[in-house]
């Protein structure tokens, strides 16, 4: 069971920003000894699986943003190279898209 307090602290940080990199999360939680690296990795992976957050990769960096849509929607993520923010747009899926292979 992942720590509810740790999960809540991560979500609070994500609510105050457009996005956070994994490097920033490590500075906030690992370098301050609030949690160990394994806990942080597990929580972030669980959030992605649970559709709580979106993850994109830019180069070698993992970037996370809160999900504000429905899991039955198609999501388009955009990354701004100037300000390093991630934005999302949600679109309903067509019924035949659920059977699509792409």
PDB file of N, CA and C in Angstrom:
ATOM      1  N   UNK A   1       0.848  -1.190   0.000  1.00  0.00           N
ATOM      2  CA  UNK A   1       0.000   0.000   0.000  1.00  0.00           C
ATOM      3  C   UNK A   1       0.888   1.246   0.000  1.00  0.00           C
ATOM      4  N   UNK A   2       0.660   2.094  -0.959  1.00  0.00           N
ATOM      5  CA  UNK A   2       1.446   3.319  -1.031  1.00  0.00           C
ATOM      6  C   UNK A   2       0.927   4.345  -0.020  1.00  0.00           C
ATOM      7  N   UNK A   3       1.819   5.082   0.548  1.00  0.00           N
ATOM      8  CA  UNK A   3       1.488   6.049   1.576  1.00  0.00           C
ATOM      9  C   UNK A   3       0.494   7.092   1.078  1.00  0.00           C
ATOM     10  N   UNK A   4      -0.615   7.211   1.786  1.00  0.00           N
ATOM     11  CA  UNK A   4      -1.626   8.206   1.434  1.00  0.00           C
ATOM     12  C   UNK A   4      -1.090   9.611   1.638  1.00  0.00           C
ATOM     13  N   UNK A   5      -0.310   9.808   2.683  1.00  0.00           N
ATOM     14  CA  UNK A   5       0.265  11.133   2.941  1.00  0.00           C
ATOM     15  C   UNK A   5       1.209  11.532   1.810  1.00  0.00           C
ATOM     16  N   UNK A   6       2.065  10.624   1.377  1.00  0.00           N
ATOM     17  CA  UNK A   6       2.978  10.927   0.284  1.00  0.00           C
ATOM     18  C   UNK A   6       2.205  11.221  -0.997  1.00  0.00           C
ATOM     19  N   UNK A   7       1.199  10.418  -1.283  1.00  0.00           N
ATOM     20  CA  UNK A   7       0.379  10.647  -2.485  1.00  0.00           C
ATOM     21  C   UNK A   7      -0.256  12.035  -2.426  1.00  0.00           C
ATOM     22  N   UNK A   8      -0.789  12.389  -1.271  1.00  0.00           N
ATOM     23  CA  UNK A   8      -1.447  13.689  -1.112  1.00  0.00           C
ATOM     24  C   UNK A   8      -0.448  14.834  -1.301  1.00  0.00           C
ATOM     25  N   UNK A   9       0.757  14.703  -0.762  1.00  0.00           N
ATOM     26  CA  UNK A   9       1.773  15.763  -0.917  1.00  0.00           C
ATOM     27  C   UNK A   9       2.136  15.968  -2.395  1.00  0.00           C
ATOM     28  N   UNK A  10       2.279  14.875  -3.131  1.00  0.00           N
ATOM     29  CA  UNK A  10       2.599  14.992  -4.560  1.00  0.00           C
ATOM     30  C   UNK A  10       1.457  15.664  -5.301  1.00  0.00           C
ATOM     31  N   UNK A  11       0.226  15.256  -5.028  1.00  0.00           N
ATOM     32  CA  UNK A  11      -0.927  15.866  -5.703  1.00  0.00           C
ATOM     33  C   UNK A  11      -1.062  17.345  -5.379  1.00  0.00           C
ATOM     34  N   UNK A  12      -0.773  17.721  -4.139  1.00  0.00           N
ATOM     35  CA  UNK A  12      -0.817  19.142  -3.765  1.00  0.00           C
ATOM     36  C   UNK A  12       0.173  19.951  -4.588  1.00  0.00           C
ATOM     37  N   UNK A  13       1.371  19.422  -4.780  1.00  0.00           N
ATOM     38  CA  UNK A  13       2.377  20.130  -5.587  1.00  0.00           C
ATOM     39  C   UNK A  13       1.911  20.252  -7.036  1.00  0.00           C
ATOM     40  N   UNK A  14       1.331  19.183  -7.577  1.00  0.00           N
ATOM     41  CA  UNK A  14       0.869  19.223  -8.967  1.00  0.00           C
ATOM     42  C   UNK A  14      -0.312  20.167  -9.165  1.00  0.00           C
ATOM     43  N   UNK A  15      -1.114  20.371  -8.128  1.00  0.00           N
ATOM     44  CA  UNK A  15      -2.250  21.281  -8.243  1.00  0.00           C
ATOM     45  C   UNK A  15      -1.824  22.739  -8.327  1.00  0.00           C
ATOM     46  N   UNK A  16      -0.620  23.053  -7.864  1.00  0.00           N
ATOM     47  CA  UNK A  16      -0.137  24.423  -7.861  1.00  0.00           C
ATOM     48  C   UNK A  16       0.743  24.757  -9.060  1.00  0.00           C
ATOM     49  N   UNK A  17       0.977  23.782  -9.925  1.00  0.00           N
ATOM     50  CA  UNK A  17       1.817  24.025 -11.091  1.00  0.00           C
ATOM     51  C   UNK A  17       1.158  23.425 -12.323  1.00  0.00           C
ATOM     52  N   UNK A  18       1.610  23.836 -13.499  1.00  0.00           N
ATOM     53  CA  UNK A  18       1.126  23.241 -14.745  1.00  0.00           C
ATOM     54  C   UNK A  18       1.684  21.833 -14.896  1.00  0.00           C
ATOM     55  N   UNK A  19       2.933  21.696 -14.531  1.00  0.00           N
ATOM     56  CA  UNK A  19       3.589  20.395 -14.657  1.00  0.00           C
ATOM     57  C   UNK A  19       4.817  20.368 -13.754  1.00  0.00           C
ATOM     58  N   UNK A  20       5.290  19.157 -13.494  1.00  0.00           N
ATOM     59  CA  UNK A  20       6.514  18.977 -12.718  1.00  0.00           C
ATOM     60  C   UNK A  20       7.358  17.907 -13.386  1.00  0.00           C
ATOM     61  N   UNK A  21       8.644  18.135 -13.431  1.00  0.00           N
ATOM     62  CA  UNK A  21       9.544  17.121 -13.961  1.00  0.00           C
ATOM     63  C   UNK A  21       9.890  16.151 -12.828  1.00  0.00           C
ATOM     64  N   UNK A  22      10.391  14.987 -13.214  1.00  0.00           N
ATOM     65  CA  UNK A  22      10.813  14.036 -12.199  1.00  0.00           C
ATOM     66  C   UNK A  22      11.997  14.590 -11.411  1.00  0.00           C
ATOM     67  N   UNK A  23      12.840  15.360 -12.054  1.00  0.00           N
ATOM     68  CA  UNK A  23      13.965  16.005 -11.370  1.00  0.00           C
ATOM     69  C   UNK A  23      13.457  16.946 -10.281  1.00  0.00           C
ATOM     70  N   UNK A  24      12.413  17.724 -10.597  1.00  0.00           N
ATOM     71  CA  UNK A  24      11.840  18.626  -9.592  1.00  0.00           C
ATOM     72  C   UNK A  24      11.211  17.841  -8.436  1.00  0.00           C
ATOM     73  N   UNK A  25      10.527  16.750  -8.780  1.00  0.00           N
ATOM     74  CA  UNK A  25       9.928  15.917  -7.731  1.00  0.00           C
ATOM     75  C   UNK A  25      10.994  15.325  -6.809  1.00  0.00           C
ATOM     76  N   UNK A  26      12.107  14.903  -7.407  1.00  0.00           N
ATOM     77  CA  UNK A  26      13.193  14.367  -6.585  1.00  0.00           C
ATOM     78  C   UNK A  26      13.726  15.428  -5.626  1.00  0.00           C
ATOM     79  N   UNK A  27      13.878  16.662  -6.095  1.00  0.00           N
ATOM     80  CA  UNK A  27      14.353  17.736  -5.220  1.00  0.00           C
ATOM     81  C   UNK A  27      13.372  18.001  -4.084  1.00  0.00           C
ATOM     82  N   UNK A  28      12.074  17.967  -4.404  1.00  0.00           N
ATOM     83  CA  UNK A  28      11.049  18.247  -3.408  1.00  0.00           C
ATOM     84  C   UNK A  28      10.892  17.146  -2.364  1.00  0.00           C
ATOM     85  N   UNK A  29      11.025  15.902  -2.780  1.00  0.00           N
ATOM     86  CA  UNK A  29      10.675  14.810  -1.877  1.00  0.00           C
ATOM     87  C   UNK A  29      11.832  13.903  -1.471  1.00  0.00           C
ATOM     88  N   UNK A  30      12.795  13.693  -2.345  1.00  0.00           N
ATOM     89  CA  UNK A  30      13.894  12.792  -2.006  1.00  0.00           C
ATOM     90  C   UNK A  30      15.022  13.545  -1.312  1.00  0.00           C
ATOM     91  N   UNK A  31      15.417  14.675  -1.881  1.00  0.00           N
ATOM     92  CA  UNK A  31      16.516  15.442  -1.279  1.00  0.00           C
ATOM     93  C   UNK A  31      16.139  15.989   0.097  1.00  0.00           C
ATOM     94  N   UNK A  32      14.839  16.198   0.328  1.00  0.00           N
ATOM     95  CA  UNK A  32      14.383  16.676   1.643  1.00  0.00           C
ATOM     96  C   UNK A  32      14.124  15.521   2.606  1.00  0.00           C
ATOM     97  N   UNK A  33      14.358  14.297   2.133  1.00  0.00           N
ATOM     98  CA  UNK A  33      14.193  13.078   2.941  1.00  0.00           C
ATOM     99  C   UNK A  33      12.741  12.805   3.327  1.00  0.00           C
ATOM    100  N   UNK A  34      11.788  13.407   2.604  1.00  0.00           N
ATOM    101  CA  UNK A  34      10.378  13.123   2.882  1.00  0.00           C
ATOM    102  C   UNK A  34      10.015  11.702   2.451  1.00  0.00           C
ATOM    103  N   UNK A  35      10.630  11.236   1.363  1.00  0.00           N
ATOM    104  CA  UNK A  35      10.412   9.860   0.914  1.00  0.00           C
ATOM    105  C   UNK A  35      11.639   9.361   0.191  1.00  0.00           C
ATOM    106  N   UNK A  36      11.719   8.054   0.015  1.00  0.00           N
ATOM    107  CA  UNK A  36      12.862   7.485  -0.685  1.00  0.00           C
ATOM    108  C   UNK A  36      12.543   7.365  -2.183  1.00  0.00           C
ATOM    109  N   UNK A  37      13.549   7.169  -3.021  1.00  0.00           N
ATOM    110  CA  UNK A  37      13.329   7.126  -4.469  1.00  0.00           C
ATOM    111  C   UNK A  37      12.330   6.049  -4.897  1.00  0.00           C
ATOM    112  N   UNK A  38      12.374   4.882  -4.277  1.00  0.00           N
ATOM    113  CA  UNK A  38      11.466   3.804  -4.661  1.00  0.00           C
ATOM    114  C   UNK A  38      10.012   4.207  -4.438  1.00  0.00           C
ATOM    115  N   UNK A  39       9.744   4.858  -3.331  1.00  0.00           N
ATOM    116  CA  UNK A  39       8.383   5.312  -3.035  1.00  0.00           C
ATOM    117  C   UNK A  39       7.917   6.306  -4.078  1.00  0.00           C
ATOM    118  N   UNK A  40       8.766   7.263  -4.429  1.00  0.00           N
ATOM    119  CA  UNK A  40       8.391   8.257  -5.425  1.00  0.00           C
ATOM    120  C   UNK A  40       8.111   7.600  -6.779  1.00  0.00           C
ATOM    121  N   UNK A  41       8.983   6.708  -7.221  1.00  0.00           N
ATOM    122  CA  UNK A  41       8.764   6.008  -8.489  1.00  0.00           C
ATOM    123  C   UNK A  41       7.449   5.236  -8.465  1.00  0.00           C
ATOM    124  N   UNK A  42       7.176   4.528  -7.390  1.00  0.00           N
ATOM    125  CA  UNK A  42       5.951   3.723  -7.302  1.00  0.00           C
ATOM    126  C   UNK A  42       4.699   4.589  -7.321  1.00  0.00           C
ATOM    127  N   UNK A  43       4.738   5.696  -6.598  1.00  0.00           N
ATOM    128  CA  UNK A  43       3.571   6.580  -6.562  1.00  0.00           C
ATOM    129  C   UNK A  43       3.309   7.173  -7.945  1.00  0.00           C
ATOM    130  N   UNK A  44       4.357   7.650  -8.609  1.00  0.00           N
ATOM    131  CA  UNK A  44       4.154   8.270  -9.921  1.00  0.00           C
ATOM    132  C   UNK A  44       3.658   7.237 -10.934  1.00  0.00           C
ATOM    133  N   UNK A  45       4.214   6.041 -10.911  1.00  0.00           N
ATOM    134  CA  UNK A  45       3.754   4.980 -11.815  1.00  0.00           C
ATOM    135  C   UNK A  45       2.303   4.607 -11.520  1.00  0.00           C
ATOM    136  N   UNK A  46       1.916   4.565 -10.248  1.00  0.00           N
ATOM    137  CA  UNK A  46       0.527   4.264  -9.884  1.00  0.00           C
ATOM    138  C   UNK A  46      -0.402   5.368 -10.357  1.00  0.00           C
ATOM    139  N   UNK A  47      -0.002   6.638 -10.203  1.00  0.00           N
ATOM    140  CA  UNK A  47      -0.827   7.756 -10.670  1.00  0.00           C
ATOM    141  C   UNK A  47      -1.057   7.679 -12.189  1.00  0.00           C
ATOM    142  N   UNK A  48      -0.035   7.316 -12.935  1.00  0.00           N
ATOM    143  CA  UNK A  48      -0.182   7.187 -14.397  1.00  0.00           C
ATOM    144  C   UNK A  48      -1.156   6.051 -14.708  1.00  0.00           C
ATOM    145  N   UNK A  49      -0.992   4.901 -14.071  1.00  0.00           N
ATOM    146  CA  UNK A  49      -1.891   3.754 -14.295  1.00  0.00           C
ATOM    147  C   UNK A  49      -3.335   4.078 -13.936  1.00  0.00           C
ATOM    148  N   UNK A  50      -3.532   4.862 -12.882  1.00  0.00           N
ATOM    149  CA  UNK A  50      -4.863   5.206 -12.392  1.00  0.00           C
ATOM    150  C   UNK A  50      -5.469   6.395 -13.140  1.00  0.00           C
ATOM    151  N   UNK A  51      -4.744   6.953 -14.112  1.00  0.00           N
ATOM    152  CA  UNK A  51      -5.192   8.110 -14.907  1.00  0.00           C
ATOM    153  C   UNK A  51      -5.399   9.361 -14.047  1.00  0.00           C
ATOM    154  N   UNK A  52      -4.633   9.470 -12.975  1.00  0.00           N
ATOM    155  CA  UNK A  52      -4.653  10.669 -12.137  1.00  0.00           C
ATOM    156  C   UNK A  52      -3.782  11.740 -12.770  1.00  0.00           C
ATOM    157  N   UNK A  53      -2.682  11.310 -13.379  1.00  0.00           N
ATOM    158  CA  UNK A  53      -1.753  12.228 -14.030  1.00  0.00           C
ATOM    159  C   UNK A  53      -1.431  11.709 -15.430  1.00  0.00           C
ATOM    160  N   UNK A  54      -0.892  12.616 -16.249  1.00  0.00           N
ATOM    161  CA  UNK A  54      -0.337  12.265 -17.553  1.00  0.00           C
ATOM    162  C   UNK A  54       1.177  12.360 -17.442  1.00  0.00           C
ATOM    163  N   UNK A  55       1.848  11.534 -18.215  1.00  0.00           N
ATOM    164  CA  UNK A  55       3.306  11.571 -18.262  1.00  0.00           C
ATOM    165  C   UNK A  55       3.743  11.703 -19.713  1.00  0.00           C
ATOM    166  N   UNK A  56       4.669  12.615 -19.951  1.00  0.00           N
ATOM    167  CA  UNK A  56       5.319  12.683 -21.255  1.00  0.00           C
ATOM    168  C   UNK A  56       6.825  12.650 -21.004  1.00  0.00           C
ATOM    169  N   UNK A  57       7.546  12.293 -22.034  1.00  0.00           N
ATOM    170  CA  UNK A  57       9.012  12.292 -21.954  1.00  0.00           C
ATOM    171  C   UNK A  57       9.549  13.276 -22.978  1.00  0.00           C
ATOM    172  N   UNK A  58      10.423  14.130 -22.512  1.00  0.00           N
ATOM    173  CA  UNK A  58      11.103  15.083 -23.375  1.00  0.00           C
ATOM    174  C   UNK A  58      12.587  14.852 -23.143  1.00  0.00           C
ATOM    175  N   UNK A  59      13.229  14.286 -24.139  1.00  0.00           N
ATOM    176  CA  UNK A  59      14.614  13.877 -23.960  1.00  0.00           C
ATOM    177  C   UNK A  59      14.662  12.766 -22.929  1.00  0.00           C
ATOM    178  N   UNK A  60      15.491  12.943 -21.916  1.00  0.00           N
ATOM    179  CA  UNK A  60      15.597  11.953 -20.848  1.00  0.00           C
ATOM    180  C   UNK A  60      14.728  12.292 -19.632  1.00  0.00           C
ATOM    181  N   UNK A  61      13.936  13.337 -19.740  1.00  0.00           N
ATOM    182  CA  UNK A  61      13.163  13.817 -18.590  1.00  0.00           C
ATOM    183  C   UNK A  61      11.713  13.348 -18.655  1.00  0.00           C
ATOM    184  N   UNK A  62      11.214  12.886 -17.519  1.00  0.00           N
ATOM    185  CA  UNK A  62       9.802  12.555 -17.365  1.00  0.00           C
ATOM    186  C   UNK A  62       9.099  13.801 -16.839  1.00  0.00           C
ATOM    187  N   UNK A  63       7.978  14.162 -17.476  1.00  0.00           N
ATOM    188  CA  UNK A  63       7.231  15.343 -17.066  1.00  0.00           C
ATOM    189  C   UNK A  63       5.801  14.908 -16.767  1.00  0.00           C
ATOM    190  N   UNK A  64       5.248  15.404 -15.648  1.00  0.00           N
ATOM    191  CA  UNK A  64       3.927  14.996 -15.195  1.00  0.00           C
ATOM    192  C   UNK A  64       2.999  16.195 -15.080  1.00  0.00           C
ATOM    193  N   UNK A  65       1.727  15.971 -15.379  1.00  0.00           N
ATOM    194  CA  UNK A  65       0.693  16.971 -15.208  1.00  0.00           C
ATOM    195  C   UNK A  65      -0.576  16.265 -14.761  1.00  0.00           C
ATOM    196  N   UNK A  66      -1.412  16.967 -13.997  1.00  0.00           N
ATOM    197  CA  UNK A  66      -2.670  16.372 -13.559  1.00  0.00           C
ATOM    198  C   UNK A  66      -3.591  16.121 -14.743  1.00  0.00           C
ATOM    199  N   UNK A  67      -4.372  15.071 -14.656  1.00  0.00           N
ATOM    200  CA  UNK A  67      -5.375  14.771 -15.677  1.00  0.00           C
ATOM    201  C   UNK A  67      -6.680  15.446 -15.266  1.00  0.00           C
ATOM    202  N   UNK A  68      -7.249  16.213 -16.173  1.00  0.00           N
ATOM    203  CA  UNK A  68      -8.489  16.937 -15.880  1.00  0.00           C
ATOM    204  C   UNK A  68      -9.676  16.413 -16.675  1.00  0.00           C
ATOM    205  N   UNK A  69      -9.521  15.290 -17.336  1.00  0.00           N
ATOM    206  CA  UNK A  69     -10.595  14.787 -18.184  1.00  0.00           C
ATOM    207  C   UNK A  69     -11.068  13.415 -17.783  1.00  0.00           C
ATOM    208  N   UNK A  70     -11.878  12.860 -18.665  1.00  0.00           N
ATOM    209  CA  UNK A  70     -12.470  11.545 -18.470  1.00  0.00           C
ATOM    210  C   UNK A  70     -11.576  10.484 -19.094  1.00  0.00           C
ATOM    211  N   UNK A  71     -11.540   9.296 -18.515  1.00  0.00           N
ATOM    212  CA  UNK A  71     -10.692   8.231 -19.051  1.00  0.00           C
ATOM    213  C   UNK A  71     -11.248   7.653 -20.349  1.00  0.00           C
ATOM    214  N   UNK A  72     -12.495   7.989 -20.705  1.00  0.00           N
ATOM    215  CA  UNK A  72     -13.078   7.519 -21.965  1.00  0.00           C
ATOM    216  C   UNK A  72     -12.836   8.503 -23.100  1.00  0.00           C
ATOM    217  N   UNK A  73     -11.894   9.374 -22.924  1.00  0.00           N
ATOM    218  CA  UNK A  73     -11.601  10.383 -23.928  1.00  0.00           C
ATOM    219  C   UNK A  73     -10.190  10.217 -24.463  1.00  0.00           C
ATOM    220  N   UNK A  74     -10.006  10.715 -25.681  1.00  0.00           N
ATOM    221  CA  UNK A  74      -8.690  10.782 -26.292  1.00  0.00           C
ATOM    222  C   UNK A  74      -8.021  12.025 -25.740  1.00  0.00           C
ATOM    223  N   UNK A  75      -6.746  11.941 -25.424  1.00  0.00           N
ATOM    224  CA  UNK A  75      -6.034  13.057 -24.816  1.00  0.00           C
ATOM    225  C   UNK A  75      -4.901  13.486 -25.727  1.00  0.00           C
ATOM    226  N   UNK A  76      -4.815  14.795 -25.948  1.00  0.00           N
ATOM    227  CA  UNK A  76      -3.691  15.368 -26.690  1.00  0.00           C
ATOM    228  C   UNK A  76      -2.893  16.204 -25.698  1.00  0.00           C
ATOM    229  N   UNK A  77      -1.614  15.865 -25.554  1.00  0.00           N
ATOM    230  CA  UNK A  77      -0.722  16.607 -24.666  1.00  0.00           C
ATOM    231  C   UNK A  77       0.207  17.465 -25.506  1.00  0.00           C
ATOM    232  N   UNK A  78       0.378  18.709 -25.098  1.00  0.00           N
ATOM    233  CA  UNK A  78       1.287  19.629 -25.783  1.00  0.00           C
ATOM    234  C   UNK A  78       2.334  20.100 -24.784  1.00  0.00           C
ATOM    235  N   UNK A  79       3.564  20.203 -25.264  1.00  0.00           N
ATOM    236  CA  UNK A  79       4.670  20.632 -24.423  1.00  0.00           C
ATOM    237  C   UNK A  79       5.274  21.903 -25.009  1.00  0.00           C
ATOM    238  N   UNK A  80       5.416  22.922 -24.179  1.00  0.00           N
ATOM    239  CA  UNK A  80       6.001  24.183 -24.613  1.00  0.00           C
ATOM    240  C   UNK A  80       7.493  24.166 -24.280  1.00  0.00           C
ATOM    241  N   UNK A  81       8.326  24.291 -25.309  1.00  0.00           N
ATOM    242  CA  UNK A  81       9.772  24.263 -25.087  1.00  0.00           C
ATOM    243  C   UNK A  81      10.280  25.558 -24.438  1.00  0.00           C
ATOM    244  N   UNK A  82       9.515  26.645 -24.532  1.00  0.00           N
ATOM    245  CA  UNK A  82       9.952  27.909 -23.936  1.00  0.00           C
ATOM    246  C   UNK A  82       9.681  27.976 -22.441  1.00  0.00           C
ATOM    247  N   UNK A  83       8.473  27.565 -22.024  1.00  0.00           N
ATOM    248  CA  UNK A  83       8.136  27.666 -20.600  1.00  0.00           C
ATOM    249  C   UNK A  83       8.093  26.308 -19.902  1.00  0.00           C
ATOM    250  N   UNK A  84       8.267  25.232 -20.650  1.00  0.00           N
ATOM    251  CA  UNK A  84       8.307  23.861 -20.125  1.00  0.00           C
ATOM    252  C   UNK A  84       6.996  23.405 -19.497  1.00  0.00           C
ATOM    253  N   UNK A  85       5.896  24.000 -19.933  1.00  0.00           N
ATOM    254  CA  UNK A  85       4.596  23.587 -19.420  1.00  0.00           C
ATOM    255  C   UNK A  85       3.946  22.564 -20.337  1.00  0.00           C
ATOM    256  N   UNK A  86       3.099  21.744 -19.740  1.00  0.00           N
ATOM    257  CA  UNK A  86       2.335  20.744 -20.468  1.00  0.00           C
ATOM    258  C   UNK A  86       0.873  21.149 -20.402  1.00  0.00           C
ATOM    259  N   UNK A  87       0.187  21.106 -21.541  1.00  0.00           N
ATOM    260  CA  UNK A  87      -1.248  21.357 -21.550  1.00  0.00           C
ATOM    261  C   UNK A  87      -1.938  20.146 -22.152  1.00  0.00           C
ATOM    262  N   UNK A  88      -3.191  19.962 -21.797  1.00  0.00           N
ATOM    263  CA  UNK A  88      -3.930  18.814 -22.273  1.00  0.00           C
ATOM    264  C   UNK A  88      -5.234  19.259 -22.920  1.00  0.00           C
ATOM    265  N   UNK A  89      -5.677  18.479 -23.871  1.00  0.00           N
ATOM    266  CA  UNK A  89      -6.982  18.674 -24.498  1.00  0.00           C
ATOM    267  C   UNK A  89      -7.633  17.300 -24.585  1.00  0.00           C
ATOM    268  N   UNK A  90      -8.890  17.225 -24.192  1.00  0.00           N
ATOM    269  CA  UNK A  90      -9.614  15.950 -24.197  1.00  0.00           C
ATOM    270  C   UNK A  90     -10.672  15.969 -25.283  1.00  0.00           C
ATOM    271  N   UNK A  91     -10.800  14.846 -25.973  1.00  0.00           N
ATOM    272  CA  UNK A  91     -11.780  14.686 -27.031  1.00  0.00           C
ATOM    273  C   UNK A  91     -12.494  13.355 -26.844  1.00  0.00           C
ATOM    274  N   UNK A  92     -13.811  13.311 -27.074  1.00  0.00           N
ATOM    275  CA  UNK A  92     -14.502  12.029 -26.946  1.00  0.00           C
ATOM    276  C   UNK A  92     -14.013  11.039 -27.999  1.00  0.00           C
ATOM    277  N   UNK A  93     -13.943   9.785 -27.616  1.00  0.00           N
ATOM    278  CA  UNK A  93     -13.562   8.728 -28.550  1.00  0.00           C
ATOM    279  C   UNK A  93     -14.781   8.262 -29.321  1.00  0.00           C
ATOM    280  N   UNK A  94     -14.604   8.056 -30.595  1.00  0.00           N
ATOM    281  CA  UNK A  94     -15.667   7.463 -31.404  1.00  0.00           C
ATOM    282  C   UNK A  94     -15.815   6.006 -30.991  1.00  0.00           C
ATOM    283  N   UNK A  95     -17.037   5.435 -31.035  1.00  0.00           N
ATOM    284  CA  UNK A  95     -17.225   4.045 -30.611  1.00  0.00           C
ATOM    285  C   UNK A  95     -16.292   3.063 -31.315  1.00  0.00           C
ATOM    286  N   UNK A  96     -16.017   3.282 -32.596  1.00  0.00           N
ATOM    287  CA  UNK A  96     -15.138   2.366 -33.319  1.00  0.00           C
ATOM    288  C   UNK A  96     -13.678   2.510 -32.899  1.00  0.00           C
ATOM    289  N   UNK A  97     -13.321   3.607 -32.236  1.00  0.00           N
ATOM    290  CA  UNK A  97     -11.942   3.811 -31.792  1.00  0.00           C
ATOM    291  C   UNK A  97     -11.566   2.834 -30.690  1.00  0.00           C
ATOM    292  N   UNK A  98     -12.546   2.390 -29.949  1.00  0.00           N
ATOM    293  CA  UNK A  98     -12.269   1.440 -28.866  1.00  0.00           C
ATOM    294  C   UNK A  98     -11.847   0.086 -29.423  1.00  0.00           C
ATOM    295  N   UNK A  99     -12.177  -0.178 -30.672  1.00  0.00           N
ATOM    296  CA  UNK A  99     -11.796  -1.443 -31.301  1.00  0.00           C
ATOM    297  C   UNK A  99     -10.593  -1.280 -32.216  1.00  0.00           C
ATOM    298  N   UNK A 100     -10.089  -0.085 -32.343  1.00  0.00           N
ATOM    299  CA  UNK A 100      -8.988   0.206 -33.241  1.00  0.00           C
ATOM    300  C   UNK A 100      -7.673  -0.320 -32.682  1.00  0.00           C
ATOM    301  N   UNK A 101      -6.749  -0.622 -33.553  1.00  0.00           N
ATOM    302  CA  UNK A 101      -5.424  -1.078 -33.127  1.00  0.00           C
ATOM    303  C   UNK A 101      -4.416   0.049 -33.056  1.00  0.00           C
ATOM    304  N   UNK A 102      -4.746   1.235 -33.510  1.00  0.00           N
ATOM    305  CA  UNK A 102      -3.784   2.333 -33.466  1.00  0.00           C
ATOM    306  C   UNK A 102      -4.088   3.268 -32.325  1.00  0.00           C
TER     307      UNK A 102
END
